Amino acid sequence: MSGGHVLCRVEDIPDGTARGFDWPKGEVKVKILVARKGDRVFGYRNACPHVGVPLEMDPDDFMSIDGRWLQCSTHGAQFRVEDGMCIIGPCAGRPLRSVPLTVIDGVVAVRE
């Protein structure tokens, strides 16, 4: 796939979950997450806007217990999957930083 860094196939992320990835951006690797809701995927930097810590404590454990929200395991902040906006917690009203994704033939890639 040209024009982006390939991450995975959509079906590699079960519906209602999210997975973490390292995105090589220049000389550094940026930690990102990709969340799936139905046929749509959403990409964000894996850093809580409150203090910058990764959202998950255990690999790929990004969702709240009820599976409805992305959640910071450090402070319990919860974020909407569709736009990354924090709705509960110390960073309420501040969004996760979006990562532009593209999906072509079921393959998810970071748009460069």
N, C-alpha and C. Protein backbone atom coordinates (compact mmCIF):
# COMPACT_ATOMS: atom_id res chain seq x y z
N MET A 1 0.85 -1.17 0.00
CA MET A 1 0.00 0.00 0.00
C MET A 1 0.89 1.23 0.00
N SER A 2 0.70 2.11 -0.95
CA SER A 2 1.51 3.31 -1.00
C SER A 2 0.81 4.44 -0.25
N GLY A 3 1.58 5.40 0.20
CA GLY A 3 1.02 6.57 0.85
C GLY A 3 0.77 6.42 2.33
N GLY A 4 1.28 5.36 2.95
CA GLY A 4 1.06 5.23 4.38
C GLY A 4 1.79 4.06 4.98
N HIS A 5 1.94 4.09 6.28
CA HIS A 5 2.57 3.00 7.02
C HIS A 5 1.49 1.99 7.41
N VAL A 6 1.58 0.78 6.89
CA VAL A 6 0.59 -0.27 7.16
C VAL A 6 0.70 -0.73 8.61
N LEU A 7 -0.48 -0.83 9.26
CA LEU A 7 -0.54 -1.27 10.66
C LEU A 7 -1.07 -2.69 10.79
N CYS A 8 -2.22 -2.96 10.17
CA CYS A 8 -2.87 -4.27 10.30
C CYS A 8 -4.06 -4.32 9.37
N ARG A 9 -4.80 -5.39 9.46
CA ARG A 9 -6.09 -5.49 8.77
C ARG A 9 -7.17 -5.10 9.77
N VAL A 10 -8.29 -4.59 9.28
CA VAL A 10 -9.39 -4.19 10.16
C VAL A 10 -9.81 -5.36 11.04
N GLU A 11 -9.91 -6.56 10.47
CA GLU A 11 -10.37 -7.70 11.26
C GLU A 11 -9.38 -8.14 12.34
N ASP A 12 -8.15 -7.60 12.33
CA ASP A 12 -7.19 -7.88 13.39
C ASP A 12 -7.52 -7.14 14.69
N ILE A 13 -8.45 -6.19 14.61
CA ILE A 13 -8.92 -5.45 15.79
C ILE A 13 -10.38 -5.82 16.00
N PRO A 14 -10.68 -6.66 16.98
CA PRO A 14 -12.08 -7.04 17.20
C PRO A 14 -12.95 -5.80 17.44
N ASP A 15 -14.16 -5.84 16.93
CA ASP A 15 -15.09 -4.72 17.10
C ASP A 15 -15.23 -4.39 18.59
N GLY A 16 -15.18 -3.10 18.92
CA GLY A 16 -15.32 -2.65 20.29
C GLY A 16 -14.04 -2.69 21.10
N THR A 17 -12.90 -2.90 20.42
CA THR A 17 -11.62 -2.93 21.12
C THR A 17 -10.65 -1.97 20.43
N ALA A 18 -9.44 -1.94 20.94
CA ALA A 18 -8.38 -1.11 20.36
C ALA A 18 -7.05 -1.84 20.51
N ARG A 19 -6.11 -1.51 19.63
CA ARG A 19 -4.76 -2.09 19.68
C ARG A 19 -3.73 -0.98 19.60
N GLY A 20 -2.61 -1.21 20.25
CA GLY A 20 -1.50 -0.28 20.21
C GLY A 20 -0.49 -0.64 19.14
N PHE A 21 0.15 0.38 18.59
CA PHE A 21 1.16 0.21 17.54
C PHE A 21 2.28 1.22 17.74
N ASP A 22 3.45 0.91 17.21
CA ASP A 22 4.54 1.87 17.09
C ASP A 22 4.53 2.37 15.66
N TRP A 23 4.44 3.67 15.49
CA TRP A 23 4.40 4.30 14.17
C TRP A 23 5.74 4.97 13.94
N PRO A 24 6.56 4.44 13.01
CA PRO A 24 7.84 5.08 12.73
C PRO A 24 7.61 6.42 12.04
N LYS A 25 7.96 7.48 12.72
CA LYS A 25 7.78 8.83 12.19
C LYS A 25 9.14 9.51 12.22
N GLY A 26 9.78 9.52 11.07
CA GLY A 26 11.14 10.05 11.02
C GLY A 26 12.08 9.17 11.82
N GLU A 27 12.82 9.77 12.72
CA GLU A 27 13.81 9.05 13.53
C GLU A 27 13.22 8.41 14.78
N VAL A 28 11.96 8.71 15.08
CA VAL A 28 11.36 8.20 16.32
C VAL A 28 10.18 7.28 16.02
N LYS A 29 9.83 6.49 17.02
CA LYS A 29 8.62 5.68 16.94
C LYS A 29 7.60 6.30 17.87
N VAL A 30 6.44 6.64 17.32
CA VAL A 30 5.36 7.25 18.07
C VAL A 30 4.37 6.16 18.46
N LYS A 31 4.02 6.12 19.74
CA LYS A 31 3.03 5.14 20.20
C LYS A 31 1.64 5.66 19.85
N ILE A 32 0.89 4.81 19.14
CA ILE A 32 -0.47 5.17 18.74
C ILE A 32 -1.41 4.02 19.09
N LEU A 33 -2.70 4.29 19.02
CA LEU A 33 -3.69 3.24 19.18
C LEU A 33 -4.70 3.37 18.06
N VAL A 34 -5.26 2.23 17.69
CA VAL A 34 -6.33 2.20 16.70
C VAL A 34 -7.51 1.49 17.34
N ALA A 35 -8.64 2.20 17.39
CA ALA A 35 -9.87 1.66 17.97
C ALA A 35 -10.84 1.32 16.84
N ARG A 36 -11.58 0.26 17.02
CA ARG A 36 -12.57 -0.15 16.01
C ARG A 36 -13.97 -0.08 16.59
N LYS A 37 -14.86 0.49 15.81
CA LYS A 37 -16.28 0.53 16.15
C LYS A 37 -17.03 0.19 14.88
N GLY A 38 -17.53 -1.02 14.83
CA GLY A 38 -18.18 -1.49 13.61
C GLY A 38 -17.17 -1.60 12.48
N ASP A 39 -17.49 -1.01 11.34
CA ASP A 39 -16.58 -1.04 10.20
C ASP A 39 -15.59 0.12 10.20
N ARG A 40 -15.69 1.01 11.19
CA ARG A 40 -14.84 2.20 11.22
C ARG A 40 -13.69 2.02 12.20
N VAL A 41 -12.55 2.66 11.88
CA VAL A 41 -11.40 2.67 12.77
C VAL A 41 -11.01 4.12 13.04
N PHE A 42 -10.44 4.34 14.23
CA PHE A 42 -10.07 5.67 14.68
C PHE A 42 -8.67 5.60 15.26
N GLY A 43 -7.81 6.52 14.87
CA GLY A 43 -6.43 6.52 15.34
C GLY A 43 -6.12 7.71 16.23
N TYR A 44 -5.36 7.44 17.31
CA TYR A 44 -4.97 8.48 18.26
C TYR A 44 -3.56 8.20 18.76
N ARG A 45 -2.88 9.27 19.18
CA ARG A 45 -1.62 9.10 19.90
C ARG A 45 -1.95 8.40 21.22
N ASN A 46 -1.10 7.49 21.62
CA ASN A 46 -1.31 6.76 22.86
C ASN A 46 -0.69 7.56 24.01
N ALA A 47 -1.31 8.69 24.30
CA ALA A 47 -0.83 9.57 25.37
C ALA A 47 -2.03 10.33 25.94
N CYS A 48 -2.25 10.20 27.24
CA CYS A 48 -3.34 10.92 27.89
C CYS A 48 -3.04 12.42 27.87
N PRO A 49 -4.00 13.25 27.49
CA PRO A 49 -3.76 14.69 27.47
C PRO A 49 -3.52 15.29 28.86
N HIS A 50 -3.82 14.54 29.90
CA HIS A 50 -3.65 15.04 31.27
C HIS A 50 -2.16 15.14 31.62
N VAL A 51 -1.42 14.03 31.51
CA VAL A 51 0.01 14.06 31.86
C VAL A 51 0.89 13.35 30.82
N GLY A 52 0.31 12.89 29.73
CA GLY A 52 1.10 12.30 28.65
C GLY A 52 1.45 10.84 28.80
N VAL A 53 0.93 10.16 29.83
CA VAL A 53 1.23 8.74 30.01
C VAL A 53 0.46 7.91 29.00
N PRO A 54 0.97 6.72 28.63
CA PRO A 54 0.20 5.83 27.77
C PRO A 54 -1.13 5.48 28.44
N LEU A 55 -2.16 5.26 27.63
CA LEU A 55 -3.48 4.98 28.18
C LEU A 55 -3.57 3.61 28.85
N GLU A 56 -2.88 2.61 28.31
CA GLU A 56 -3.03 1.27 28.83
C GLU A 56 -1.88 0.88 29.76
N MET A 57 -2.22 0.04 30.76
CA MET A 57 -1.18 -0.53 31.62
C MET A 57 -0.74 -1.88 31.06
N ASP A 58 -1.70 -2.63 30.56
CA ASP A 58 -1.43 -3.92 29.93
C ASP A 58 -1.58 -3.74 28.43
N PRO A 59 -0.78 -4.46 27.63
CA PRO A 59 -0.85 -4.29 26.18
C PRO A 59 -2.28 -4.42 25.64
N ASP A 60 -2.66 -3.45 24.83
CA ASP A 60 -3.94 -3.43 24.12
C ASP A 60 -5.16 -3.39 25.03
N ASP A 61 -5.00 -2.99 26.28
CA ASP A 61 -6.12 -2.88 27.21
C ASP A 61 -6.53 -1.41 27.31
N PHE A 62 -7.25 -0.93 26.29
CA PHE A 62 -7.58 0.48 26.16
C PHE A 62 -9.01 0.83 26.54
N MET A 63 -9.88 -0.15 26.67
CA MET A 63 -11.31 0.14 26.80
C MET A 63 -11.75 0.12 28.27
N SER A 64 -12.80 0.90 28.54
CA SER A 64 -13.43 0.87 29.86
C SER A 64 -14.04 -0.52 30.08
N ILE A 65 -14.38 -0.82 31.32
CA ILE A 65 -14.93 -2.14 31.64
C ILE A 65 -16.16 -2.46 30.82
N ASP A 66 -17.02 -1.45 30.59
CA ASP A 66 -18.23 -1.70 29.81
C ASP A 66 -17.98 -1.70 28.30
N GLY A 67 -16.74 -1.42 27.87
CA GLY A 67 -16.39 -1.45 26.46
C GLY A 67 -16.87 -0.25 25.66
N ARG A 68 -17.36 0.76 26.34
CA ARG A 68 -17.95 1.91 25.65
C ARG A 68 -16.94 3.01 25.33
N TRP A 69 -15.94 3.19 26.17
CA TRP A 69 -15.00 4.32 26.08
C TRP A 69 -13.56 3.84 26.04
N LEU A 70 -12.70 4.63 25.42
CA LEU A 70 -11.26 4.49 25.63
C LEU A 70 -10.99 5.03 27.03
N GLN A 71 -10.08 4.40 27.77
CA GLN A 71 -9.88 4.81 29.15
C GLN A 71 -8.40 4.86 29.50
N CYS A 72 -8.01 5.90 30.21
CA CYS A 72 -6.65 6.01 30.74
C CYS A 72 -6.57 5.18 32.01
N SER A 73 -5.67 4.21 32.04
CA SER A 73 -5.57 3.33 33.19
C SER A 73 -4.93 4.03 34.39
N THR A 74 -4.25 5.15 34.18
CA THR A 74 -3.60 5.85 35.28
C THR A 74 -4.58 6.68 36.10
N HIS A 75 -5.43 7.48 35.44
CA HIS A 75 -6.32 8.38 36.15
C HIS A 75 -7.80 8.11 35.91
N GLY A 76 -8.13 7.14 35.07
CA GLY A 76 -9.53 6.78 34.82
C GLY A 76 -10.26 7.69 33.85
N ALA A 77 -9.55 8.62 33.21
CA ALA A 77 -10.21 9.48 32.22
C ALA A 77 -10.81 8.62 31.12
N GLN A 78 -11.98 9.02 30.62
CA GLN A 78 -12.65 8.27 29.57
C GLN A 78 -12.84 9.17 28.35
N PHE A 79 -12.66 8.57 27.17
CA PHE A 79 -12.66 9.28 25.90
C PHE A 79 -13.62 8.62 24.93
N ARG A 80 -14.35 9.44 24.16
CA ARG A 80 -15.21 8.90 23.11
C ARG A 80 -14.33 8.28 22.03
N VAL A 81 -14.72 7.13 21.54
CA VAL A 81 -13.97 6.45 20.48
C VAL A 81 -13.99 7.27 19.19
N GLU A 82 -15.14 7.86 18.86
CA GLU A 82 -15.32 8.51 17.56
C GLU A 82 -14.50 9.79 17.38
N ASP A 83 -14.22 10.51 18.45
CA ASP A 83 -13.46 11.77 18.28
C ASP A 83 -12.37 11.98 19.32
N GLY A 84 -12.20 11.03 20.23
CA GLY A 84 -11.13 11.12 21.22
C GLY A 84 -11.36 12.13 22.33
N MET A 85 -12.54 12.75 22.39
CA MET A 85 -12.80 13.78 23.39
C MET A 85 -12.94 13.16 24.78
N CYS A 86 -12.24 13.75 25.75
CA CYS A 86 -12.35 13.29 27.14
C CYS A 86 -13.68 13.78 27.70
N ILE A 87 -14.47 12.85 28.20
CA ILE A 87 -15.79 13.21 28.73
C ILE A 87 -15.84 13.08 30.25
N ILE A 88 -14.91 12.33 30.84
CA ILE A 88 -14.86 12.13 32.29
C ILE A 88 -13.39 12.08 32.70
N GLY A 89 -13.05 12.80 33.76
CA GLY A 89 -11.69 12.72 34.29
C GLY A 89 -10.99 14.06 34.33
N PRO A 90 -9.72 14.05 34.72
CA PRO A 90 -8.98 15.29 34.92
C PRO A 90 -8.72 16.09 33.64
N CYS A 91 -8.90 15.48 32.50
CA CYS A 91 -8.68 16.20 31.24
C CYS A 91 -9.99 16.40 30.47
N ALA A 92 -11.12 16.39 31.18
CA ALA A 92 -12.43 16.56 30.54
C ALA A 92 -12.43 17.79 29.63
N GLY A 93 -12.94 17.59 28.41
CA GLY A 93 -12.99 18.66 27.43
C GLY A 93 -11.76 18.74 26.54
N ARG A 94 -10.75 17.92 26.81
CA ARG A 94 -9.55 17.90 25.98
C ARG A 94 -9.49 16.56 25.22
N PRO A 95 -9.18 16.60 23.93
CA PRO A 95 -9.17 15.36 23.15
C PRO A 95 -7.81 14.68 23.10
N LEU A 96 -7.84 13.40 22.79
CA LEU A 96 -6.62 12.70 22.39
C LEU A 96 -6.16 13.30 21.06
N ARG A 97 -4.87 13.23 20.77
CA ARG A 97 -4.37 13.72 19.48
C ARG A 97 -4.67 12.70 18.39
N SER A 98 -5.37 13.13 17.38
CA SER A 98 -5.79 12.28 16.29
C SER A 98 -4.60 11.87 15.41
N VAL A 99 -4.67 10.65 14.89
CA VAL A 99 -3.71 10.15 13.90
C VAL A 99 -4.52 9.80 12.65
N PRO A 100 -4.18 10.39 11.50
CA PRO A 100 -4.96 10.14 10.29
C PRO A 100 -4.74 8.74 9.75
N LEU A 101 -5.84 8.02 9.58
CA LEU A 101 -5.77 6.65 9.07
C LEU A 101 -6.45 6.57 7.72
N THR A 102 -6.09 5.53 6.99
CA THR A 102 -6.78 5.19 5.75
C THR A 102 -7.03 3.69 5.77
N VAL A 103 -8.13 3.27 5.18
CA VAL A 103 -8.43 1.84 5.05
C VAL A 103 -8.69 1.57 3.58
N ILE A 104 -7.87 0.69 3.01
CA ILE A 104 -8.04 0.29 1.62
C ILE A 104 -8.03 -1.24 1.56
N ASP A 105 -9.10 -1.80 1.02
CA ASP A 105 -9.25 -3.26 0.93
C ASP A 105 -9.03 -3.94 2.28
N GLY A 106 -9.54 -3.31 3.35
CA GLY A 106 -9.45 -3.90 4.68
C GLY A 106 -8.13 -3.71 5.39
N VAL A 107 -7.18 -3.00 4.77
CA VAL A 107 -5.87 -2.77 5.37
C VAL A 107 -5.84 -1.38 5.98
N VAL A 108 -5.48 -1.30 7.26
CA VAL A 108 -5.40 -0.03 7.99
C VAL A 108 -3.96 0.48 7.92
N ALA A 109 -3.83 1.76 7.55
CA ALA A 109 -2.52 2.39 7.47
C ALA A 109 -2.60 3.82 7.99
N VAL A 110 -1.48 4.30 8.51
CA VAL A 110 -1.37 5.71 8.89
C VAL A 110 -1.15 6.47 7.59
N ARG A 111 -1.98 7.47 7.39
CA ARG A 111 -1.85 8.31 6.19
C ARG A 111 -0.65 9.23 6.37
N GLU A 112 0.25 9.18 5.43
CA GLU A 112 1.47 10.02 5.51
C GLU A 112 1.25 11.35 4.84
